[in-house]
Amino acid sequence: MAIRIMKTFYERRETAEEIEFQFKYLPLANLLFFLAIGASLAPCGRLANRTLRICGVLLLLYIIGILPVWMDLEKAMRSGSVLVSGSKFSCKNPLKVVISKK
């Protein structure tokens, strides 16, 4: 169950030549991040505190879910076999990372 939830944060497609990751919910994670910053700058109140906690928990879950992928991407970036396309702020054109297996 937990692994299935973690895999909803990204799509992974693997072929003989390459591995492709598509990050569908990265724009929402960015929105949560900016909302958390706004809540931390707002005057202290119940709503600001609750918003900050909720955003913090959701961002932490997103980071935990995406961590194994980022470790794979870091290894591939060191070898220089990564192609990045798309935008981290767009839901229509999400961030796509292709790792060559060569």
PDB file of N, CA and C in Angstrom:
ATOM      1  N   MET A   1       0.816  -1.198   0.000  1.00  0.00           N
ATOM      2  CA  MET A   1       0.000   0.000   0.000  1.00  0.00           C
ATOM      3  C   MET A   1       0.860   1.263   0.000  1.00  0.00           C
ATOM      4  N   ALA A   2       1.853   1.316   0.906  1.00  0.00           N
ATOM      5  CA  ALA A   2       2.700   2.513   1.000  1.00  0.00           C
ATOM      6  C   ALA A   2       3.521   2.700  -0.260  1.00  0.00           C
ATOM      7  N   ILE A   3       4.012   1.604  -0.841  1.00  0.00           N
ATOM      8  CA  ILE A   3       4.816   1.710  -2.064  1.00  0.00           C
ATOM      9  C   ILE A   3       3.952   2.203  -3.217  1.00  0.00           C
ATOM     10  N   ARG A   4       2.698   1.772  -3.285  1.00  0.00           N
ATOM     11  CA  ARG A   4       1.805   2.221  -4.349  1.00  0.00           C
ATOM     12  C   ARG A   4       1.550   3.724  -4.224  1.00  0.00           C
ATOM     13  N   ILE A   5       1.379   4.218  -3.003  1.00  0.00           N
ATOM     14  CA  ILE A   5       1.168   5.650  -2.798  1.00  0.00           C
ATOM     15  C   ILE A   5       2.401   6.427  -3.217  1.00  0.00           C
ATOM     16  N   MET A   6       3.590   5.934  -2.888  1.00  0.00           N
ATOM     17  CA  MET A   6       4.827   6.622  -3.249  1.00  0.00           C
ATOM     18  C   MET A   6       4.994   6.689  -4.765  1.00  0.00           C
ATOM     19  N   LYS A   7       4.553   5.653  -5.485  1.00  0.00           N
ATOM     20  CA  LYS A   7       4.719   5.638  -6.933  1.00  0.00           C
ATOM     21  C   LYS A   7       3.714   6.514  -7.657  1.00  0.00           C
ATOM     22  N   THR A   8       2.727   7.061  -6.951  1.00  0.00           N
ATOM     23  CA  THR A   8       1.794   7.969  -7.612  1.00  0.00           C
ATOM     24  C   THR A   8       2.417   9.341  -7.844  1.00  0.00           C
ATOM     25  N   PHE A   9       3.535   9.631  -7.200  1.00  0.00           N
ATOM     26  CA  PHE A   9       4.196  10.914  -7.365  1.00  0.00           C
ATOM     27  C   PHE A   9       4.940  11.017  -8.694  1.00  0.00           C
ATOM     28  N   TYR A  10       5.216   9.885  -9.316  1.00  0.00           N
ATOM     29  CA  TYR A  10       5.951   9.885 -10.578  1.00  0.00           C
ATOM     30  C   TYR A  10       5.556   8.669 -11.397  1.00  0.00           C
ATOM     31  N   GLU A  11       5.854   8.725 -12.698  1.00  0.00           N
ATOM     32  CA  GLU A  11       5.673   7.570 -13.581  1.00  0.00           C
ATOM     33  C   GLU A  11       7.041   7.126 -14.057  1.00  0.00           C
ATOM     34  N   ARG A  12       7.271   5.833 -14.069  1.00  0.00           N
ATOM     35  CA  ARG A  12       8.543   5.295 -14.535  1.00  0.00           C
ATOM     36  C   ARG A  12       8.262   4.342 -15.686  1.00  0.00           C
ATOM     37  N   ARG A  13       8.926   4.591 -16.806  1.00  0.00           N
ATOM     38  CA  ARG A  13       8.846   3.708 -17.967  1.00  0.00           C
ATOM     39  C   ARG A  13      10.261   3.282 -18.321  1.00  0.00           C
ATOM     40  N   GLU A  14      10.446   1.993 -18.493  1.00  0.00           N
ATOM     41  CA  GLU A  14      11.784   1.487 -18.782  1.00  0.00           C
ATOM     42  C   GLU A  14      11.767   0.680 -20.071  1.00  0.00           C
ATOM     43  N   THR A  15      12.726   0.971 -20.944  1.00  0.00           N
ATOM     44  CA  THR A  15      12.927   0.212 -22.174  1.00  0.00           C
ATOM     45  C   THR A  15      14.351  -0.345 -22.155  1.00  0.00           C
ATOM     46  N   ALA A  16      14.741  -0.972 -23.241  1.00  0.00           N
ATOM     47  CA  ALA A  16      16.084  -1.550 -23.316  1.00  0.00           C
ATOM     48  C   ALA A  16      17.164  -0.466 -23.369  1.00  0.00           C
ATOM     49  N   GLU A  17      16.836   0.708 -23.908  1.00  0.00           N
ATOM     50  CA  GLU A  17      17.841   1.763 -24.063  1.00  0.00           C
ATOM     51  C   GLU A  17      17.783   2.840 -22.994  1.00  0.00           C
ATOM     52  N   GLU A  18      16.609   3.040 -22.367  1.00  0.00           N
ATOM     53  CA  GLU A  18      16.487   4.184 -21.468  1.00  0.00           C
ATOM     54  C   GLU A  18      15.455   3.955 -20.358  1.00  0.00           C
ATOM     55  N   ILE A  19      15.567   4.781 -19.338  1.00  0.00           N
ATOM     56  CA  ILE A  19      14.593   4.836 -18.249  1.00  0.00           C
ATOM     57  C   ILE A  19      14.018   6.250 -18.254  1.00  0.00           C
ATOM     58  N   GLU A  20      12.690   6.354 -18.241  1.00  0.00           N
ATOM     59  CA  GLU A  20      12.037   7.663 -18.289  1.00  0.00           C
ATOM     60  C   GLU A  20      11.209   7.879 -17.028  1.00  0.00           C
ATOM     61  N   PHE A  21      11.434   9.005 -16.381  1.00  0.00           N
ATOM     62  CA  PHE A  21      10.645   9.414 -15.215  1.00  0.00           C
ATOM     63  C   PHE A  21       9.847  10.649 -15.591  1.00  0.00           C
ATOM     64  N   GLN A  22       8.584  10.655 -15.215  1.00  0.00           N
ATOM     65  CA  GLN A  22       7.752  11.828 -15.433  1.00  0.00           C
ATOM     66  C   GLN A  22       7.146  12.212 -14.085  1.00  0.00           C
ATOM     67  N   PHE A  23       7.404  13.448 -13.661  1.00  0.00           N
ATOM     68  CA  PHE A  23       6.958  13.935 -12.364  1.00  0.00           C
ATOM     69  C   PHE A  23       5.674  14.727 -12.545  1.00  0.00           C
ATOM     70  N   LYS A  24       4.533  14.068 -12.300  1.00  0.00           N
ATOM     71  CA  LYS A  24       3.224  14.657 -12.570  1.00  0.00           C
ATOM     72  C   LYS A  24       2.822  15.707 -11.540  1.00  0.00           C
ATOM     73  N   TYR A  25       3.183  15.492 -10.288  1.00  0.00           N
ATOM     74  CA  TYR A  25       2.687  16.346  -9.216  1.00  0.00           C
ATOM     75  C   TYR A  25       3.712  17.346  -8.704  1.00  0.00           C
ATOM     76  N   LEU A  26       4.775  17.564  -9.430  1.00  0.00           N
ATOM     77  CA  LEU A  26       5.781  18.538  -9.019  1.00  0.00           C
ATOM     78  C   LEU A  26       5.219  19.960  -8.954  1.00  0.00           C
ATOM     79  N   PRO A  27       4.335  20.385  -9.871  1.00  0.00           N
ATOM     80  CA  PRO A  27       3.746  21.730  -9.723  1.00  0.00           C
ATOM     81  C   PRO A  27       2.956  21.890  -8.428  1.00  0.00           C
ATOM     82  N   LEU A  28       2.278  20.839  -7.996  1.00  0.00           N
ATOM     83  CA  LEU A  28       1.534  20.913  -6.740  1.00  0.00           C
ATOM     84  C   LEU A  28       2.480  20.984  -5.539  1.00  0.00           C
ATOM     85  N   ALA A  29       3.600  20.278  -5.613  1.00  0.00           N
ATOM     86  CA  ALA A  29       4.588  20.358  -4.537  1.00  0.00           C
ATOM     87  C   ALA A  29       5.172  21.766  -4.462  1.00  0.00           C
ATOM     88  N   ASN A  30       5.413  22.384  -5.605  1.00  0.00           N
ATOM     89  CA  ASN A  30       5.897  23.769  -5.616  1.00  0.00           C
ATOM     90  C   ASN A  30       4.863  24.716  -5.023  1.00  0.00           C
ATOM     91  N   LEU A  31       3.600  24.498  -5.348  1.00  0.00           N
ATOM     92  CA  LEU A  31       2.530  25.317  -4.792  1.00  0.00           C
ATOM     93  C   LEU A  31       2.457  25.166  -3.266  1.00  0.00           C
ATOM     94  N   LEU A  32       2.573  23.930  -2.780  1.00  0.00           N
ATOM     95  CA  LEU A  32       2.580  23.698  -1.336  1.00  0.00           C
ATOM     96  C   LEU A  32       3.763  24.394  -0.666  1.00  0.00           C
ATOM     97  N   PHE A  33       4.910  24.361  -1.339  1.00  0.00           N
ATOM     98  CA  PHE A  33       6.097  25.003  -0.793  1.00  0.00           C
ATOM     99  C   PHE A  33       5.884  26.510  -0.647  1.00  0.00           C
ATOM    100  N   PHE A  34       5.355  27.139  -1.683  1.00  0.00           N
ATOM    101  CA  PHE A  34       5.114  28.578  -1.625  1.00  0.00           C
ATOM    102  C   PHE A  34       3.997  28.918  -0.631  1.00  0.00           C
ATOM    103  N   LEU A  35       3.008  28.041  -0.505  1.00  0.00           N
ATOM    104  CA  LEU A  35       1.963  28.240   0.485  1.00  0.00           C
ATOM    105  C   LEU A  35       2.528  28.147   1.905  1.00  0.00           C
ATOM    106  N   ALA A  36       3.445  27.226   2.118  1.00  0.00           N
ATOM    107  CA  ALA A  36       4.090  27.106   3.431  1.00  0.00           C
ATOM    108  C   ALA A  36       4.920  28.345   3.746  1.00  0.00           C
ATOM    109  N   ILE A  37       5.608  28.878   2.747  1.00  0.00           N
ATOM    110  CA  ILE A  37       6.372  30.116   2.964  1.00  0.00           C
ATOM    111  C   ILE A  37       5.429  31.264   3.304  1.00  0.00           C
ATOM    112  N   GLY A  38       4.323  31.375   2.589  1.00  0.00           N
ATOM    113  CA  GLY A  38       3.344  32.425   2.876  1.00  0.00           C
ATOM    114  C   GLY A  38       2.742  32.281   4.264  1.00  0.00           C
ATOM    115  N   ALA A  39       2.469  31.041   4.675  1.00  0.00           N
ATOM    116  CA  ALA A  39       1.906  30.815   6.006  1.00  0.00           C
ATOM    117  C   ALA A  39       2.916  31.139   7.098  1.00  0.00           C
ATOM    118  N   SER A  40       4.188  30.902   6.820  1.00  0.00           N
ATOM    119  CA  SER A  40       5.201  31.210   7.828  1.00  0.00           C
ATOM    120  C   SER A  40       5.415  32.721   7.961  1.00  0.00           C
ATOM    121  N   LEU A  41       5.145  33.480   6.892  1.00  0.00           N
ATOM    122  CA  LEU A  41       5.297  34.927   6.943  1.00  0.00           C
ATOM    123  C   LEU A  41       4.043  35.635   7.463  1.00  0.00           C
ATOM    124  N   ALA A  42       2.918  34.925   7.491  1.00  0.00           N
ATOM    125  CA  ALA A  42       1.659  35.511   7.961  1.00  0.00           C
ATOM    126  C   ALA A  42       1.708  35.700   9.479  1.00  0.00           C
ATOM    127  N   PRO A  43       0.901  36.627   9.979  1.00  0.00           N
ATOM    128  CA  PRO A  43       0.846  36.791  11.441  1.00  0.00           C
ATOM    129  C   PRO A  43       0.419  35.484  12.107  1.00  0.00           C
ATOM    130  N   CYS A  44       0.976  35.208  13.259  1.00  0.00           N
ATOM    131  CA  CYS A  44       0.673  33.957  13.964  1.00  0.00           C
ATOM    132  C   CYS A  44      -0.810  33.889  14.310  1.00  0.00           C
ATOM    133  N   GLY A  45      -1.396  32.827  13.954  1.00  0.00           N
ATOM    134  CA  GLY A  45      -2.809  32.589  14.215  1.00  0.00           C
ATOM    135  C   GLY A  45      -3.097  31.123  13.995  1.00  0.00           C
ATOM    136  N   ARG A  46      -4.278  30.704  14.323  1.00  0.00           N
ATOM    137  CA  ARG A  46      -4.627  29.292  14.177  1.00  0.00           C
ATOM    138  C   ARG A  46      -4.567  28.834  12.731  1.00  0.00           C
ATOM    139  N   LEU A  47      -5.110  29.641  11.833  1.00  0.00           N
ATOM    140  CA  LEU A  47      -5.130  29.257  10.425  1.00  0.00           C
ATOM    141  C   LEU A  47      -3.720  29.165   9.855  1.00  0.00           C
ATOM    142  N   ALA A  48      -2.880  30.119  10.169  1.00  0.00           N
ATOM    143  CA  ALA A  48      -1.504  30.102   9.663  1.00  0.00           C
ATOM    144  C   ALA A  48      -0.742  28.902  10.217  1.00  0.00           C
ATOM    145  N   ASN A  49      -0.920  28.601  11.491  1.00  0.00           N
ATOM    146  CA  ASN A  49      -0.231  27.464  12.096  1.00  0.00           C
ATOM    147  C   ASN A  49      -0.701  26.139  11.515  1.00  0.00           C
ATOM    148  N   ARG A  50      -2.008  26.004  11.336  1.00  0.00           N
ATOM    149  CA  ARG A  50      -2.537  24.762  10.747  1.00  0.00           C
ATOM    150  C   ARG A  50      -2.087  24.612   9.300  1.00  0.00           C
ATOM    151  N   THR A  51      -2.124  25.694   8.542  1.00  0.00           N
ATOM    152  CA  THR A  51      -1.701  25.641   7.146  1.00  0.00           C
ATOM    153  C   THR A  51      -0.238  25.249   7.045  1.00  0.00           C
ATOM    154  N   LEU A  52       0.586  25.826   7.894  1.00  0.00           N
ATOM    155  CA  LEU A  52       2.013  25.512   7.879  1.00  0.00           C
ATOM    156  C   LEU A  52       2.254  24.048   8.223  1.00  0.00           C
ATOM    157  N   ARG A  53       1.558  23.538   9.215  1.00  0.00           N
ATOM    158  CA  ARG A  53       1.728  22.128   9.587  1.00  0.00           C
ATOM    159  C   ARG A  53       1.274  21.196   8.477  1.00  0.00           C
ATOM    160  N   ILE A  54       0.113  21.466   7.900  1.00  0.00           N
ATOM    161  CA  ILE A  54      -0.414  20.609   6.837  1.00  0.00           C
ATOM    162  C   ILE A  54       0.513  20.624   5.633  1.00  0.00           C
ATOM    163  N   CYS A  55       0.952  21.803   5.223  1.00  0.00           N
ATOM    164  CA  CYS A  55       1.873  21.902   4.078  1.00  0.00           C
ATOM    165  C   CYS A  55       3.189  21.192   4.382  1.00  0.00           C
ATOM    166  N   GLY A  56       3.675  21.336   5.609  1.00  0.00           N
ATOM    167  CA  GLY A  56       4.917  20.676   5.994  1.00  0.00           C
ATOM    168  C   GLY A  56       4.815  19.165   5.930  1.00  0.00           C
ATOM    169  N   VAL A  57       3.721  18.620   6.424  1.00  0.00           N
ATOM    170  CA  VAL A  57       3.526  17.171   6.392  1.00  0.00           C
ATOM    171  C   VAL A  57       3.403  16.674   4.954  1.00  0.00           C
ATOM    172  N   LEU A  58       2.630  17.372   4.134  1.00  0.00           N
ATOM    173  CA  LEU A  58       2.471  16.957   2.737  1.00  0.00           C
ATOM    174  C   LEU A  58       3.781  17.045   1.968  1.00  0.00           C
ATOM    175  N   LEU A  59       4.558  18.093   2.202  1.00  0.00           N
ATOM    176  CA  LEU A  59       5.848  18.207   1.538  1.00  0.00           C
ATOM    177  C   LEU A  59       6.807  17.112   1.996  1.00  0.00           C
ATOM    178  N   LEU A  60       6.775  16.777   3.263  1.00  0.00           N
ATOM    179  CA  LEU A  60       7.618  15.704   3.781  1.00  0.00           C
ATOM    180  C   LEU A  60       7.250  14.368   3.150  1.00  0.00           C
ATOM    181  N   LEU A  61       5.955  14.079   3.013  1.00  0.00           N
ATOM    182  CA  LEU A  61       5.522  12.851   2.349  1.00  0.00           C
ATOM    183  C   LEU A  61       5.965  12.826   0.893  1.00  0.00           C
ATOM    184  N   TYR A  62       5.881  13.968   0.213  1.00  0.00           N
ATOM    185  CA  TYR A  62       6.307  14.036  -1.188  1.00  0.00           C
ATOM    186  C   TYR A  62       7.809  13.773  -1.301  1.00  0.00           C
ATOM    187  N   ILE A  63       8.591  14.371  -0.419  1.00  0.00           N
ATOM    188  CA  ILE A  63      10.039  14.186  -0.471  1.00  0.00           C
ATOM    189  C   ILE A  63      10.410  12.736  -0.184  1.00  0.00           C
ATOM    190  N   ILE A  64       9.759  12.119   0.799  1.00  0.00           N
ATOM    191  CA  ILE A  64      10.033  10.711   1.100  1.00  0.00           C
ATOM    192  C   ILE A  64       9.660   9.832  -0.086  1.00  0.00           C
ATOM    193  N   GLY A  65       8.549  10.143  -0.754  1.00  0.00           N
ATOM    194  CA  GLY A  65       8.115   9.351  -1.901  1.00  0.00           C
ATOM    195  C   GLY A  65       9.013   9.490  -3.113  1.00  0.00           C
ATOM    196  N   ILE A  66       9.651  10.627  -3.260  1.00  0.00           N
ATOM    197  CA  ILE A  66      10.450  10.899  -4.454  1.00  0.00           C
ATOM    198  C   ILE A  66      11.943  10.624  -4.229  1.00  0.00           C
ATOM    199  N   LEU A  67      12.348  10.395  -2.988  1.00  0.00           N
ATOM    200  CA  LEU A  67      13.756  10.234  -2.649  1.00  0.00           C
ATOM    201  C   LEU A  67      14.465   9.113  -3.405  1.00  0.00           C
ATOM    202  N   PRO A  68      13.895   7.901  -3.537  1.00  0.00           N
ATOM    203  CA  PRO A  68      14.601   6.859  -4.301  1.00  0.00           C
ATOM    204  C   PRO A  68      14.874   7.251  -5.760  1.00  0.00           C
ATOM    205  N   VAL A  69      13.917   7.954  -6.360  1.00  0.00           N
ATOM    206  CA  VAL A  69      14.094   8.394  -7.751  1.00  0.00           C
ATOM    207  C   VAL A  69      15.219   9.422  -7.841  1.00  0.00           C
ATOM    208  N   TRP A  70      15.257  10.369  -6.915  1.00  0.00           N
ATOM    209  CA  TRP A  70      16.289  11.392  -6.953  1.00  0.00           C
ATOM    210  C   TRP A  70      17.674  10.792  -6.757  1.00  0.00           C
ATOM    211  N   MET A  71      17.783   9.711  -5.980  1.00  0.00           N
ATOM    212  CA  MET A  71      19.081   9.050  -5.816  1.00  0.00           C
ATOM    213  C   MET A  71      19.519   8.401  -7.128  1.00  0.00           C
ATOM    214  N   ASP A  72      18.570   7.773  -7.836  1.00  0.00           N
ATOM    215  CA  ASP A  72      18.887   7.209  -9.154  1.00  0.00           C
ATOM    216  C   ASP A  72      19.292   8.308 -10.134  1.00  0.00           C
ATOM    217  N   LEU A  73      18.588   9.429 -10.095  1.00  0.00           N
ATOM    218  CA  LEU A  73      18.904  10.544 -10.986  1.00  0.00           C
ATOM    219  C   LEU A  73      20.272  11.135 -10.670  1.00  0.00           C
ATOM    220  N   GLU A  74      20.621  11.190  -9.410  1.00  0.00           N
ATOM    221  CA  GLU A  74      21.927  11.739  -9.037  1.00  0.00           C
ATOM    222  C   GLU A  74      23.060  10.873  -9.574  1.00  0.00           C
ATOM    223  N   LYS A  75      22.903   9.556  -9.503  1.00  0.00           N
ATOM    224  CA  LYS A  75      23.912   8.649 -10.071  1.00  0.00           C
ATOM    225  C   LYS A  75      24.035   8.859 -11.578  1.00  0.00           C
ATOM    226  N   ALA A  76      22.897   8.968 -12.256  1.00  0.00           N
ATOM    227  CA  ALA A  76      22.908   9.152 -13.703  1.00  0.00           C
ATOM    228  C   ALA A  76      23.497  10.496 -14.089  1.00  0.00           C
ATOM    229  N   MET A  77      23.243  11.532 -13.292  1.00  0.00           N
ATOM    230  CA  MET A  77      23.798  12.857 -13.609  1.00  0.00           C
ATOM    231  C   MET A  77      25.314  12.859 -13.494  1.00  0.00           C
ATOM    232  N   ARG A  78      25.829  12.110 -12.560  1.00  0.00           N
ATOM    233  CA  ARG A  78      27.291  12.019 -12.434  1.00  0.00           C
ATOM    234  C   ARG A  78      27.914  11.350 -13.651  1.00  0.00           C
ATOM    235  N   SER A  79      27.196  10.398 -14.255  1.00  0.00           N
ATOM    236  CA  SER A  79      27.728   9.734 -15.444  1.00  0.00           C
ATOM    237  C   SER A  79      27.449  10.531 -16.713  1.00  0.00           C
ATOM    238  N   GLY A  80      26.572  11.533 -16.642  1.00  0.00           N
ATOM    239  CA  GLY A  80      26.301  12.396 -17.787  1.00  0.00           C
ATOM    240  C   GLY A  80      25.314  11.820 -18.779  1.00  0.00           C
ATOM    241  N   SER A  81      24.454  10.925 -18.358  1.00  0.00           N
ATOM    242  CA  SER A  81      23.519  10.288 -19.286  1.00  0.00           C
ATOM    243  C   SER A  81      22.068  10.685 -19.014  1.00  0.00           C
ATOM    244  N   VAL A  82      21.845  11.968 -18.739  1.00  0.00           N
ATOM    245  CA  VAL A  82      20.503  12.443 -18.384  1.00  0.00           C
ATOM    246  C   VAL A  82      20.027  13.496 -19.386  1.00  0.00           C
ATOM    247  N   LEU A  83      18.789  13.377 -19.800  1.00  0.00           N
ATOM    248  CA  LEU A  83      18.149  14.365 -20.659  1.00  0.00           C
ATOM    249  C   LEU A  83      16.886  14.851 -19.942  1.00  0.00           C
ATOM    250  N   VAL A  84      16.778  16.150 -19.718  1.00  0.00           N
ATOM    251  CA  VAL A  84      15.657  16.726 -18.973  1.00  0.00           C
ATOM    252  C   VAL A  84      14.821  17.582 -19.929  1.00  0.00           C
ATOM    253  N   SER A  85      13.489  17.436 -19.846  1.00  0.00           N
ATOM    254  CA  SER A  85      12.602  18.264 -20.657  1.00  0.00           C
ATOM    255  C   SER A  85      11.349  18.566 -19.848  1.00  0.00           C
ATOM    256  N   GLY A  86      10.577  19.521 -20.297  1.00  0.00           N
ATOM    257  CA  GLY A  86       9.360  19.903 -19.612  1.00  0.00           C
ATOM    258  C   GLY A  86       9.598  21.026 -18.627  1.00  0.00           C
ATOM    259  N   SER A  87       8.613  21.256 -17.782  1.00  0.00           N
ATOM    260  CA  SER A  87       8.669  22.345 -16.820  1.00  0.00           C
ATOM    261  C   SER A  87       8.219  21.848 -15.454  1.00  0.00           C
ATOM    262  N   LYS A  88       8.883  22.320 -14.418  1.00  0.00           N
ATOM    263  CA  LYS A  88       8.483  21.911 -13.074  1.00  0.00           C
ATOM    264  C   LYS A  88       7.303  22.723 -12.560  1.00  0.00           C
ATOM    265  N   PHE A  89       6.867  23.725 -13.317  1.00  0.00           N
ATOM    266  CA  PHE A  89       5.730  24.548 -12.921  1.00  0.00           C
ATOM    267  C   PHE A  89       4.486  24.302 -13.775  1.00  0.00           C
ATOM    268  N   SER A  90       4.524  23.380 -14.729  1.00  0.00           N
ATOM    269  CA  SER A  90       3.423  23.165 -15.651  1.00  0.00           C
ATOM    270  C   SER A  90       2.791  21.787 -15.451  1.00  0.00           C
ATOM    271  N   CYS A  91       1.470  21.754 -15.373  1.00  0.00           N
ATOM    272  CA  CYS A  91       0.762  20.470 -15.302  1.00  0.00           C
ATOM    273  C   CYS A  91       0.555  19.876 -16.697  1.00  0.00           C
ATOM    274  N   LYS A  92       0.502  20.736 -17.716  1.00  0.00           N
ATOM    275  CA  LYS A  92       0.309  20.260 -19.085  1.00  0.00           C
ATOM    276  C   LYS A  92       1.601  19.688 -19.677  1.00  0.00           C
ATOM    277  N   ASN A  93       2.737  20.236 -19.284  1.00  0.00           N
ATOM    278  CA  ASN A  93       4.034  19.784 -19.778  1.00  0.00           C
ATOM    279  C   ASN A  93       4.929  19.479 -18.568  1.00  0.00           C
ATOM    280  N   PRO A  94       4.660  18.335 -17.865  1.00  0.00           N
ATOM    281  CA  PRO A  94       5.392  18.072 -16.627  1.00  0.00           C
ATOM    282  C   PRO A  94       6.857  17.740 -16.878  1.00  0.00           C
ATOM    283  N   LEU A  95       7.634  17.858 -15.840  1.00  0.00           N
ATOM    284  CA  LEU A  95       9.065  17.567 -15.913  1.00  0.00           C
ATOM    285  C   LEU A  95       9.269  16.101 -16.268  1.00  0.00           C
ATOM    286  N   LYS A  96      10.097  15.863 -17.281  1.00  0.00           N
ATOM    287  CA  LYS A  96      10.409  14.511 -17.734  1.00  0.00           C
ATOM    288  C   LYS A  96      11.921  14.358 -17.764  1.00  0.00           C
ATOM    289  N   VAL A  97      12.408  13.271 -17.165  1.00  0.00           N
ATOM    290  CA  VAL A  97      13.837  12.993 -17.130  1.00  0.00           C
ATOM    291  C   VAL A  97      14.070  11.644 -17.778  1.00  0.00           C
ATOM    292  N   VAL A  98      14.963  11.597 -18.751  1.00  0.00           N
ATOM    293  CA  VAL A  98      15.292  10.361 -19.457  1.00  0.00           C
ATOM    294  C   VAL A  98      16.738  10.017 -19.159  1.00  0.00           C
ATOM    295  N   ILE A  99      16.957   8.797 -18.676  1.00  0.00           N
ATOM    296  CA  ILE A  99      18.299   8.312 -18.375  1.00  0.00           C
ATOM    297  C   ILE A  99      18.667   7.271 -19.423  1.00  0.00           C
ATOM    298  N   SER A 100      19.765   7.515 -20.100  1.00  0.00           N
ATOM    299  CA  SER A 100      20.255   6.570 -21.106  1.00  0.00           C
ATOM    300  C   SER A 100      21.002   5.434 -20.405  1.00  0.00           C
ATOM    301  N   LYS A 101      20.789   4.216 -20.856  1.00  0.00           N
ATOM    302  CA  LYS A 101      21.448   3.062 -20.236  1.00  0.00           C
ATOM    303  C   LYS A 101      22.801   2.750 -20.853  1.00  0.00           C
ATOM    304  N   LYS A 102      23.243   3.522 -21.804  1.00  0.00           N
ATOM    305  CA  LYS A 102      24.517   3.250 -22.492  1.00  0.00           C
ATOM    306  C   LYS A 102      25.690   3.489 -21.616  1.00  0.00           C
TER     307      LYS A 102
END
